[in-house]
Full PDB file with SEQRES, HELIX, SHEET, SSBOND, CRYST1, ORIGX, SCALE, CONECT and MASTER records, all heavy atoms in Angstrom:
SEQRES   1 A   33  ALA GLU GLY ALA LEU PRO GLU VAL VAL ARG ALA ASP GLU          
SEQRES   2 A   33  LYS ARG LEU ARG GLN ILE LEU ILE ASN LEU LEU GLY ASN          
SEQRES   3 A   33  ALA ILE LYS PHE THR ALA ALA                                  
HELIX    1 AA1 GLU A   13  LYS A   29  1                                  17    
CRYST1    1.000    1.000    1.000  90.00  90.00  90.00 P 1           1          
ORIGX1      1.000000  0.000000  0.000000        0.00000                         
ORIGX2      0.000000  1.000000  0.000000        0.00000                         
ORIGX3      0.000000  0.000000  1.000000        0.00000                         
SCALE1      1.000000  0.000000  0.000000        0.00000                         
SCALE2      0.000000  1.000000  0.000000        0.00000                         
SCALE3      0.000000  0.000000  1.000000        0.00000                         
ATOM      1  N   ALA A   1     -62.514 -20.175 -20.581  1.00  0.00           N  
ATOM      2  CA  ALA A   1     -62.619 -18.934 -21.330  1.00  0.00           C  
ATOM      3  C   ALA A   1     -61.902 -19.176 -22.655  1.00  0.00           C  
ATOM      4  O   ALA A   1     -60.680 -19.348 -22.658  1.00  0.00           O  
ATOM      5  CB  ALA A   1     -61.988 -17.785 -20.567  1.00  0.00           C  
ATOM      6  N   GLU A   2     -62.655 -19.261 -23.724  1.00  0.00           N  
ATOM      7  CA  GLU A   2     -62.050 -19.536 -25.030  1.00  0.00           C  
ATOM      8  C   GLU A   2     -61.579 -18.225 -25.639  1.00  0.00           C  
ATOM      9  O   GLU A   2     -62.376 -17.372 -25.987  1.00  0.00           O  
ATOM     10  CB  GLU A   2     -63.072 -20.235 -25.934  1.00  0.00           C  
ATOM     11  CG  GLU A   2     -63.483 -21.603 -25.438  1.00  0.00           C  
ATOM     12  CD  GLU A   2     -64.480 -22.297 -26.349  1.00  0.00           C  
ATOM     13  OE1 GLU A   2     -64.822 -21.753 -27.422  1.00  0.00           O  
ATOM     14  OE2 GLU A   2     -64.921 -23.389 -25.981  1.00  0.00           O  
ATOM     15  N   GLY A   3     -60.300 -18.093 -25.737  1.00  0.00           N  
ATOM     16  CA  GLY A   3     -59.729 -16.848 -26.254  1.00  0.00           C  
ATOM     17  C   GLY A   3     -59.747 -15.796 -25.159  1.00  0.00           C  
ATOM     18  O   GLY A   3     -60.076 -16.047 -24.012  1.00  0.00           O  
ATOM     19  N   ALA A   4     -59.369 -14.609 -25.535  1.00  0.00           N  
ATOM     20  CA  ALA A   4     -59.306 -13.498 -24.575  1.00  0.00           C  
ATOM     21  C   ALA A   4     -60.701 -12.908 -24.380  1.00  0.00           C  
ATOM     22  O   ALA A   4     -61.403 -12.602 -25.346  1.00  0.00           O  
ATOM     23  CB  ALA A   4     -58.355 -12.436 -25.098  1.00  0.00           C  
ATOM     24  N   LEU A   5     -61.076 -12.747 -23.122  1.00  0.00           N  
ATOM     25  CA  LEU A   5     -62.347 -12.072 -22.819  1.00  0.00           C  
ATOM     26  C   LEU A   5     -62.036 -10.591 -22.611  1.00  0.00           C  
ATOM     27  O   LEU A   5     -61.047 -10.252 -21.954  1.00  0.00           O  
ATOM     28  CB  LEU A   5     -62.974 -12.662 -21.549  1.00  0.00           C  
ATOM     29  CG  LEU A   5     -63.364 -14.125 -21.584  1.00  0.00           C  
ATOM     30  CD1 LEU A   5     -63.963 -14.541 -20.254  1.00  0.00           C  
ATOM     31  CD2 LEU A   5     -64.338 -14.403 -22.722  1.00  0.00           C  
ATOM     32  N   PRO A   6     -62.873  -9.713 -23.137  1.00  0.00           N  
ATOM     33  CA  PRO A   6     -62.607  -8.278 -22.943  1.00  0.00           C  
ATOM     34  C   PRO A   6     -62.748  -7.899 -21.477  1.00  0.00           C  
ATOM     35  O   PRO A   6     -63.572  -8.460 -20.755  1.00  0.00           O  
ATOM     36  CB  PRO A   6     -63.695  -7.602 -23.795  1.00  0.00           C  
ATOM     37  CG  PRO A   6     -64.760  -8.614 -23.961  1.00  0.00           C  
ATOM     38  CD  PRO A   6     -64.102  -9.956 -23.881  1.00  0.00           C  
ATOM     39  N   GLU A   7     -61.906  -6.998 -21.042  1.00  0.00           N  
ATOM     40  CA  GLU A   7     -61.970  -6.527 -19.667  1.00  0.00           C  
ATOM     41  C   GLU A   7     -63.264  -5.761 -19.398  1.00  0.00           C  
ATOM     42  O   GLU A   7     -63.872  -5.916 -18.356  1.00  0.00           O  
ATOM     43  CB  GLU A   7     -60.753  -5.635 -19.336  1.00  0.00           C  
ATOM     44  CG  GLU A   7     -59.444  -6.410 -19.300  1.00  0.00           C  
ATOM     45  CD  GLU A   7     -59.441  -7.511 -18.254  1.00  0.00           C  
ATOM     46  OE1 GLU A   7     -59.888  -7.278 -17.116  1.00  0.00           O  
ATOM     47  OE2 GLU A   7     -59.000  -8.624 -18.583  1.00  0.00           O  
ATOM     48  N   VAL A   8     -63.663  -4.927 -20.363  1.00  0.00           N  
ATOM     49  CA  VAL A   8     -64.839  -4.074 -20.184  1.00  0.00           C  
ATOM     50  C   VAL A   8     -65.743  -4.179 -21.418  1.00  0.00           C  
ATOM     51  O   VAL A   8     -65.249  -4.149 -22.539  1.00  0.00           O  
ATOM     52  CB  VAL A   8     -64.431  -2.590 -19.959  1.00  0.00           C  
ATOM     53  CG1 VAL A   8     -65.652  -1.686 -19.845  1.00  0.00           C  
ATOM     54  CG2 VAL A   8     -63.558  -2.446 -18.724  1.00  0.00           C  
ATOM     55  N   VAL A   9     -67.055  -4.310 -21.163  1.00  0.00           N  
ATOM     56  CA  VAL A   9     -68.059  -4.266 -22.242  1.00  0.00           C  
ATOM     57  C   VAL A   9     -69.214  -3.409 -21.745  1.00  0.00           C  
ATOM     58  O   VAL A   9     -69.345  -3.135 -20.559  1.00  0.00           O  
ATOM     59  CB  VAL A   9     -68.596  -5.681 -22.624  1.00  0.00           C  
ATOM     60  CG1 VAL A   9     -67.482  -6.568 -23.145  1.00  0.00           C  
ATOM     61  CG2 VAL A   9     -69.329  -6.320 -21.464  1.00  0.00           C  
ATOM     62  N   ARG A  10     -70.081  -2.995 -22.679  1.00  0.00           N  
ATOM     63  CA  ARG A  10     -71.310  -2.287 -22.305  1.00  0.00           C  
ATOM     64  C   ARG A  10     -72.415  -3.329 -22.202  1.00  0.00           C  
ATOM     65  O   ARG A  10     -72.713  -4.033 -23.172  1.00  0.00           O  
ATOM     66  CB  ARG A  10     -71.683  -1.237 -23.335  1.00  0.00           C  
ATOM     67  CG  ARG A  10     -70.819   0.004 -23.260  1.00  0.00           C  
ATOM     68  CD  ARG A  10     -71.307   1.136 -24.166  1.00  0.00           C  
ATOM     69  NE  ARG A  10     -72.692   1.494 -23.973  1.00  0.00           N  
ATOM     70  CZ  ARG A  10     -73.181   2.276 -23.001  1.00  0.00           C  
ATOM     71  NH1 ARG A  10     -72.352   2.757 -22.102  1.00  0.00           N  
ATOM     72  NH2 ARG A  10     -74.446   2.564 -22.925  1.00  0.00           N  
ATOM     73  N   ALA A  11     -72.993  -3.453 -21.027  1.00  0.00           N  
ATOM     74  CA  ALA A  11     -74.052  -4.442 -20.802  1.00  0.00           C  
ATOM     75  C   ALA A  11     -74.811  -4.079 -19.543  1.00  0.00           C  
ATOM     76  O   ALA A  11     -74.406  -3.200 -18.786  1.00  0.00           O  
ATOM     77  CB  ALA A  11     -73.447  -5.837 -20.678  1.00  0.00           C  
ATOM     78  N   ASP A  12     -75.912  -4.776 -19.312  1.00  0.00           N  
ATOM     79  CA  ASP A  12     -76.662  -4.663 -18.059  1.00  0.00           C  
ATOM     80  C   ASP A  12     -76.074  -5.708 -17.125  1.00  0.00           C  
ATOM     81  O   ASP A  12     -76.404  -6.890 -17.194  1.00  0.00           O  
ATOM     82  CB  ASP A  12     -78.157  -4.907 -18.298  1.00  0.00           C  
ATOM     83  CG  ASP A  12     -78.995  -4.650 -17.050  1.00  0.00           C  
ATOM     84  OD1 ASP A  12     -78.528  -4.951 -15.933  1.00  0.00           O  
ATOM     85  OD2 ASP A  12     -80.125  -4.142 -17.200  1.00  0.00           O  
ATOM     86  N   GLU A  13     -75.166  -5.285 -16.260  1.00  0.00           N  
ATOM     87  CA  GLU A  13     -74.414  -6.224 -15.412  1.00  0.00           C  
ATOM     88  C   GLU A  13     -75.353  -7.034 -14.527  1.00  0.00           C  
ATOM     89  O   GLU A  13     -75.168  -8.235 -14.363  1.00  0.00           O  
ATOM     90  CB  GLU A  13     -73.403  -5.477 -14.544  1.00  0.00           C  
ATOM     91  CG  GLU A  13     -72.583  -6.409 -13.687  1.00  0.00           C  
ATOM     92  CD  GLU A  13     -71.477  -5.716 -12.924  1.00  0.00           C  
ATOM     93  OE1 GLU A  13     -71.335  -4.483 -13.046  1.00  0.00           O  
ATOM     94  OE2 GLU A  13     -70.764  -6.412 -12.201  1.00  0.00           O  
ATOM     95  N   LYS A  14     -76.363  -6.396 -13.972  1.00  0.00           N  
ATOM     96  CA  LYS A  14     -77.289  -7.115 -13.074  1.00  0.00           C  
ATOM     97  C   LYS A  14     -77.993  -8.245 -13.816  1.00  0.00           C  
ATOM     98  O   LYS A  14     -78.076  -9.371 -13.341  1.00  0.00           O  
ATOM     99  CB  LYS A  14     -78.324  -6.116 -12.514  1.00  0.00           C  
ATOM    100  CG  LYS A  14     -79.364  -6.753 -11.660  1.00  0.00           C  
ATOM    101  CD  LYS A  14     -80.401  -5.718 -11.219  1.00  0.00           C  
ATOM    102  CE  LYS A  14     -81.573  -6.386 -10.558  1.00  0.00           C  
ATOM    103  NZ  LYS A  14     -82.661  -5.447 -10.279  1.00  0.00           N  
ATOM    104  N   ARG A  15     -78.472  -7.961 -15.021  1.00  0.00           N  
ATOM    105  CA  ARG A  15     -79.194  -8.975 -15.792  1.00  0.00           C  
ATOM    106  C   ARG A  15     -78.252 -10.085 -16.269  1.00  0.00           C  
ATOM    107  O   ARG A  15     -78.596 -11.257 -16.214  1.00  0.00           O  
ATOM    108  CB  ARG A  15     -79.874  -8.352 -17.007  1.00  0.00           C  
ATOM    109  CG  ARG A  15     -80.834  -7.246 -16.700  1.00  0.00           C  
ATOM    110  CD  ARG A  15     -82.110  -7.744 -16.100  1.00  0.00           C  
ATOM    111  NE  ARG A  15     -82.978  -6.604 -15.867  1.00  0.00           N  
ATOM    112  CZ  ARG A  15     -83.541  -6.344 -14.699  1.00  0.00           C  
ATOM    113  NH1 ARG A  15     -83.379  -7.123 -13.689  1.00  0.00           N  
ATOM    114  NH2 ARG A  15     -84.282  -5.280 -14.550  1.00  0.00           N  
ATOM    115  N   LEU A  16     -77.053  -9.709 -16.717  1.00  0.00           N  
ATOM    116  CA  LEU A  16     -76.088 -10.700 -17.157  1.00  0.00           C  
ATOM    117  C   LEU A  16     -75.720 -11.637 -16.006  1.00  0.00           C  
ATOM    118  O   LEU A  16     -75.737 -12.862 -16.145  1.00  0.00           O  
ATOM    119  CB  LEU A  16     -74.828 -10.038 -17.713  1.00  0.00           C  
ATOM    120  CG  LEU A  16     -73.712 -11.016 -18.109  1.00  0.00           C  
ATOM    121  CD1 LEU A  16     -74.173 -11.967 -19.218  1.00  0.00           C  
ATOM    122  CD2 LEU A  16     -72.476 -10.242 -18.533  1.00  0.00           C  
ATOM    123  N   ARG A  17     -75.441 -11.068 -14.866  1.00  0.00           N  
ATOM    124  CA  ARG A  17     -75.085 -11.851 -13.683  1.00  0.00           C  
ATOM    125  C   ARG A  17     -76.266 -12.781 -13.311  1.00  0.00           C  
ATOM    126  O   ARG A  17     -76.077 -13.945 -13.016  1.00  0.00           O  
ATOM    127  CB  ARG A  17     -74.758 -10.905 -12.528  1.00  0.00           C  
ATOM    128  CG  ARG A  17     -74.004 -11.527 -11.404  1.00  0.00           C  
ATOM    129  CD  ARG A  17     -73.666 -10.457 -10.345  1.00  0.00           C  
ATOM    130  NE  ARG A  17     -72.543  -9.645 -10.677  1.00  0.00           N  
ATOM    131  CZ  ARG A  17     -71.289  -9.951 -10.392  1.00  0.00           C  
ATOM    132  NH1 ARG A  17     -70.998 -11.077  -9.800  1.00  0.00           N  
ATOM    133  NH2 ARG A  17     -70.319  -9.124 -10.705  1.00  0.00           N  
ATOM    134  N   GLN A  18     -77.483 -12.233 -13.353  1.00  0.00           N  
ATOM    135  CA  GLN A  18     -78.682 -13.007 -13.006  1.00  0.00           C  
ATOM    136  C   GLN A  18     -78.870 -14.191 -13.957  1.00  0.00           C  
ATOM    137  O   GLN A  18     -79.157 -15.302 -13.524  1.00  0.00           O  
ATOM    138  CB  GLN A  18     -79.897 -12.083 -13.071  1.00  0.00           C  
ATOM    139  CG  GLN A  18     -81.200 -12.705 -12.662  1.00  0.00           C  
ATOM    140  CD  GLN A  18     -82.340 -11.692 -12.714  1.00  0.00           C  
ATOM    141  OE1 GLN A  18     -82.246 -10.646 -13.366  1.00  0.00           O  
ATOM    142  NE2 GLN A  18     -83.419 -12.016 -12.059  1.00  0.00           N  
ATOM    143  N   ILE A  19     -78.652 -13.955 -15.222  1.00  0.00           N  
ATOM    144  CA  ILE A  19     -78.796 -15.029 -16.228  1.00  0.00           C  
ATOM    145  C   ILE A  19     -77.762 -16.134 -15.972  1.00  0.00           C  
ATOM    146  O   ILE A  19     -78.089 -17.318 -15.946  1.00  0.00           O  
ATOM    147  CB  ILE A  19     -78.669 -14.466 -17.662  1.00  0.00           C  
ATOM    148  CG1 ILE A  19     -79.899 -13.623 -17.998  1.00  0.00           C  
ATOM    149  CG2 ILE A  19     -78.480 -15.588 -18.674  1.00  0.00           C  
ATOM    150  CD1 ILE A  19     -79.733 -12.750 -19.233  1.00  0.00           C  
ATOM    151  N   LEU A  20     -76.496 -15.731 -15.778  1.00  0.00           N  
ATOM    152  CA  LEU A  20     -75.445 -16.727 -15.550  1.00  0.00           C  
ATOM    153  C   LEU A  20     -75.716 -17.508 -14.261  1.00  0.00           C  
ATOM    154  O   LEU A  20     -75.574 -18.736 -14.225  1.00  0.00           O  
ATOM    155  CB  LEU A  20     -74.069 -16.056 -15.493  1.00  0.00           C  
ATOM    156  CG  LEU A  20     -73.577 -15.444 -16.792  1.00  0.00           C  
ATOM    157  CD1 LEU A  20     -72.250 -14.714 -16.565  1.00  0.00           C  
ATOM    158  CD2 LEU A  20     -73.449 -16.489 -17.880  1.00  0.00           C  
ATOM    159  N   ILE A  21     -76.119 -16.819 -13.208  1.00  0.00           N  
ATOM    160  CA  ILE A  21     -76.407 -17.473 -11.929  1.00  0.00           C  
ATOM    161  C   ILE A  21     -77.568 -18.458 -12.070  1.00  0.00           C  
ATOM    162  O   ILE A  21     -77.517 -19.580 -11.558  1.00  0.00           O  
ATOM    163  CB  ILE A  21     -76.653 -16.436 -10.818  1.00  0.00           C  
ATOM    164  CG1 ILE A  21     -75.319 -15.793 -10.437  1.00  0.00           C  
ATOM    165  CG2 ILE A  21     -77.340 -17.054  -9.608  1.00  0.00           C  
ATOM    166  CD1 ILE A  21     -75.432 -14.586  -9.524  1.00  0.00           C  
ATOM    167  N   ASN A  22     -78.623 -18.050 -12.784  1.00  0.00           N  
ATOM    168  CA  ASN A  22     -79.768 -18.943 -12.970  1.00  0.00           C  
ATOM    169  C   ASN A  22     -79.372 -20.186 -13.772  1.00  0.00           C  
ATOM    170  O   ASN A  22     -79.725 -21.318 -13.411  1.00  0.00           O  
ATOM    171  CB  ASN A  22     -80.922 -18.229 -13.662  1.00  0.00           C  
ATOM    172  CG  ASN A  22     -81.608 -17.219 -12.762  1.00  0.00           C  
ATOM    173  OD1 ASN A  22     -81.414 -17.217 -11.553  1.00  0.00           O  
ATOM    174  ND2 ASN A  22     -82.405 -16.357 -13.349  1.00  0.00           N  
ATOM    175  N   LEU A  23     -78.626 -19.994 -14.855  1.00  0.00           N  
ATOM    176  CA  LEU A  23     -78.251 -21.130 -15.700  1.00  0.00           C  
ATOM    177  C   LEU A  23     -77.311 -22.095 -14.970  1.00  0.00           C  
ATOM    178  O   LEU A  23     -77.524 -23.300 -14.968  1.00  0.00           O  
ATOM    179  CB  LEU A  23     -77.578 -20.636 -16.987  1.00  0.00           C  
ATOM    180  CG  LEU A  23     -78.494 -19.929 -17.994  1.00  0.00           C  
ATOM    181  CD1 LEU A  23     -77.665 -19.304 -19.110  1.00  0.00           C  
ATOM    182  CD2 LEU A  23     -79.534 -20.889 -18.561  1.00  0.00           C  
ATOM    183  N   LEU A  24     -76.292 -21.537 -14.337  1.00  0.00           N  
ATOM    184  CA  LEU A  24     -75.334 -22.404 -13.632  1.00  0.00           C  
ATOM    185  C   LEU A  24     -75.958 -23.031 -12.390  1.00  0.00           C  
ATOM    186  O   LEU A  24     -75.695 -24.190 -12.067  1.00  0.00           O  
ATOM    187  CB  LEU A  24     -74.075 -21.619 -13.265  1.00  0.00           C  
ATOM    188  CG  LEU A  24     -73.179 -21.291 -14.451  1.00  0.00           C  
ATOM    189  CD1 LEU A  24     -72.139 -20.243 -14.082  1.00  0.00           C  
ATOM    190  CD2 LEU A  24     -72.508 -22.562 -14.970  1.00  0.00           C  
ATOM    191  N   GLY A  25     -76.786 -22.267 -11.703  1.00  0.00           N  
ATOM    192  CA  GLY A  25     -77.462 -22.806 -10.530  1.00  0.00           C  
ATOM    193  C   GLY A  25     -78.337 -23.998 -10.874  1.00  0.00           C  
ATOM    194  O   GLY A  25     -78.341 -25.021 -10.187  1.00  0.00           O  
ATOM    195  N   ASN A  26     -79.074 -23.890 -11.986  1.00  0.00           N  
ATOM    196  CA  ASN A  26     -79.912 -25.004 -12.429  1.00  0.00           C  
ATOM    197  C   ASN A  26     -79.065 -26.190 -12.864  1.00  0.00           C  
ATOM    198  O   ASN A  26     -79.407 -27.335 -12.604  1.00  0.00           O  
ATOM    199  CB  ASN A  26     -80.837 -24.570 -13.557  1.00  0.00           C  
ATOM    200  CG  ASN A  26     -82.017 -23.771 -13.048  1.00  0.00           C  
ATOM    201  OD1 ASN A  26     -82.338 -23.797 -11.866  1.00  0.00           O  
ATOM    202  ND2 ASN A  26     -82.663 -23.048 -13.925  1.00  0.00           N  
ATOM    203  N   ALA A  27     -77.961 -25.912 -13.547  1.00  0.00           N  
ATOM    204  CA  ALA A  27     -77.088 -27.006 -14.009  1.00  0.00           C  
ATOM    205  C   ALA A  27     -76.586 -27.800 -12.815  1.00  0.00           C  
ATOM    206  O   ALA A  27     -76.610 -29.035 -12.830  1.00  0.00           O  
ATOM    207  CB  ALA A  27     -75.921 -26.449 -14.825  1.00  0.00           C  
ATOM    208  N   ILE A  28     -76.162 -27.127 -11.770  1.00  0.00           N  
ATOM    209  CA  ILE A  28     -75.654 -27.818 -10.582  1.00  0.00           C  
ATOM    210  C   ILE A  28     -76.788 -28.469  -9.797  1.00  0.00           C  
ATOM    211  O   ILE A  28     -76.686 -29.609  -9.356  1.00  0.00           O  
ATOM    212  CB  ILE A  28     -74.822 -26.854  -9.716  1.00  0.00           C  
ATOM    213  CG1 ILE A  28     -73.522 -26.528 -10.463  1.00  0.00           C  
ATOM    214  CG2 ILE A  28     -74.537 -27.452  -8.342  1.00  0.00           C  
ATOM    215  CD1 ILE A  28     -72.702 -25.439  -9.844  1.00  0.00           C  
ATOM    216  N   LYS A  29     -77.888 -27.760  -9.681  1.00  0.00           N  
ATOM    217  CA  LYS A  29     -79.031 -28.280  -8.919  1.00  0.00           C  
ATOM    218  C   LYS A  29     -79.558 -29.590  -9.507  1.00  0.00           C  
ATOM    219  O   LYS A  29     -79.899 -30.519  -8.775  1.00  0.00           O  
ATOM    220  CB  LYS A  29     -80.135 -27.233  -8.907  1.00  0.00           C  
ATOM    221  CG  LYS A  29     -81.402 -27.630  -8.186  1.00  0.00           C  
ATOM    222  CD  LYS A  29     -82.413 -26.507  -8.240  1.00  0.00           C  
ATOM    223  CE  LYS A  29     -83.696 -26.857  -7.558  1.00  0.00           C  
ATOM    224  NZ  LYS A  29     -84.655 -25.748  -7.637  1.00  0.00           N  
ATOM    225  N   PHE A  30     -79.623 -29.682 -10.813  1.00  0.00           N  
ATOM    226  CA  PHE A  30     -80.243 -30.832 -11.464  1.00  0.00           C  
ATOM    227  C   PHE A  30     -79.245 -31.873 -11.964  1.00  0.00           C  
ATOM    228  O   PHE A  30     -79.598 -32.781 -12.684  1.00  0.00           O  
ATOM    229  CB  PHE A  30     -81.162 -30.377 -12.612  1.00  0.00           C  
ATOM    230  CG  PHE A  30     -82.342 -29.584 -12.103  1.00  0.00           C  
ATOM    231  CD1 PHE A  30     -82.436 -28.219 -12.331  1.00  0.00           C  
ATOM    232  CD2 PHE A  30     -83.337 -30.209 -11.366  1.00  0.00           C  
ATOM    233  CE1 PHE A  30     -83.517 -27.499 -11.857  1.00  0.00           C  
ATOM    234  CE2 PHE A  30     -84.416 -29.486 -10.880  1.00  0.00           C  
ATOM    235  CZ  PHE A  30     -84.496 -28.115 -11.125  1.00  0.00           C  
ATOM    236  N   THR A  31     -77.981 -31.725 -11.560  1.00  0.00           N  
ATOM    237  CA  THR A  31     -76.983 -32.732 -11.924  1.00  0.00           C  
ATOM    238  C   THR A  31     -76.654 -33.539 -10.664  1.00  0.00           C  
ATOM    239  O   THR A  31     -76.156 -32.995  -9.681  1.00  0.00           O  
ATOM    240  CB  THR A  31     -75.707 -32.055 -12.482  1.00  0.00           C  
ATOM    241  OG1 THR A  31     -76.059 -31.316 -13.663  1.00  0.00           O  
ATOM    242  CG2 THR A  31     -74.643 -33.085 -12.826  1.00  0.00           C  
ATOM    243  N   ALA A  32     -76.955 -34.812 -10.721  1.00  0.00           N  
ATOM    244  CA  ALA A  32     -76.747 -35.682  -9.556  1.00  0.00           C  
ATOM    245  C   ALA A  32     -75.288 -36.127  -9.456  1.00  0.00           C  
ATOM    246  O   ALA A  32     -74.752 -36.279  -8.370  1.00  0.00           O  
ATOM    247  CB  ALA A  32     -77.674 -36.894  -9.616  1.00  0.00           C  
ATOM    248  N   ALA A  33     -74.666 -36.384 -10.592  1.00  0.00           N  
ATOM    249  CA  ALA A  33     -73.267 -36.847 -10.592  1.00  0.00           C  
ATOM    250  C   ALA A  33     -72.642 -36.430 -11.919  1.00  0.00           C  
ATOM    251  O   ALA A  33     -73.331 -36.258 -12.917  1.00  0.00           O  
ATOM    252  CB  ALA A  33     -73.219 -38.362 -10.456  1.00  0.00           C  
TER     253      ALA A  33                                                      
MASTER        0    0    0    1    0    0    0    6  252    1    0    3          
END                                                                             
């Protein structure tokens, strides 16, 4: 976390969570080592 992350923001939590999960899931899935 570069710098302070805000405790609360206005966003679509479901979509944000889904995007992060998809991106990180793919990164781990397709990284062999």
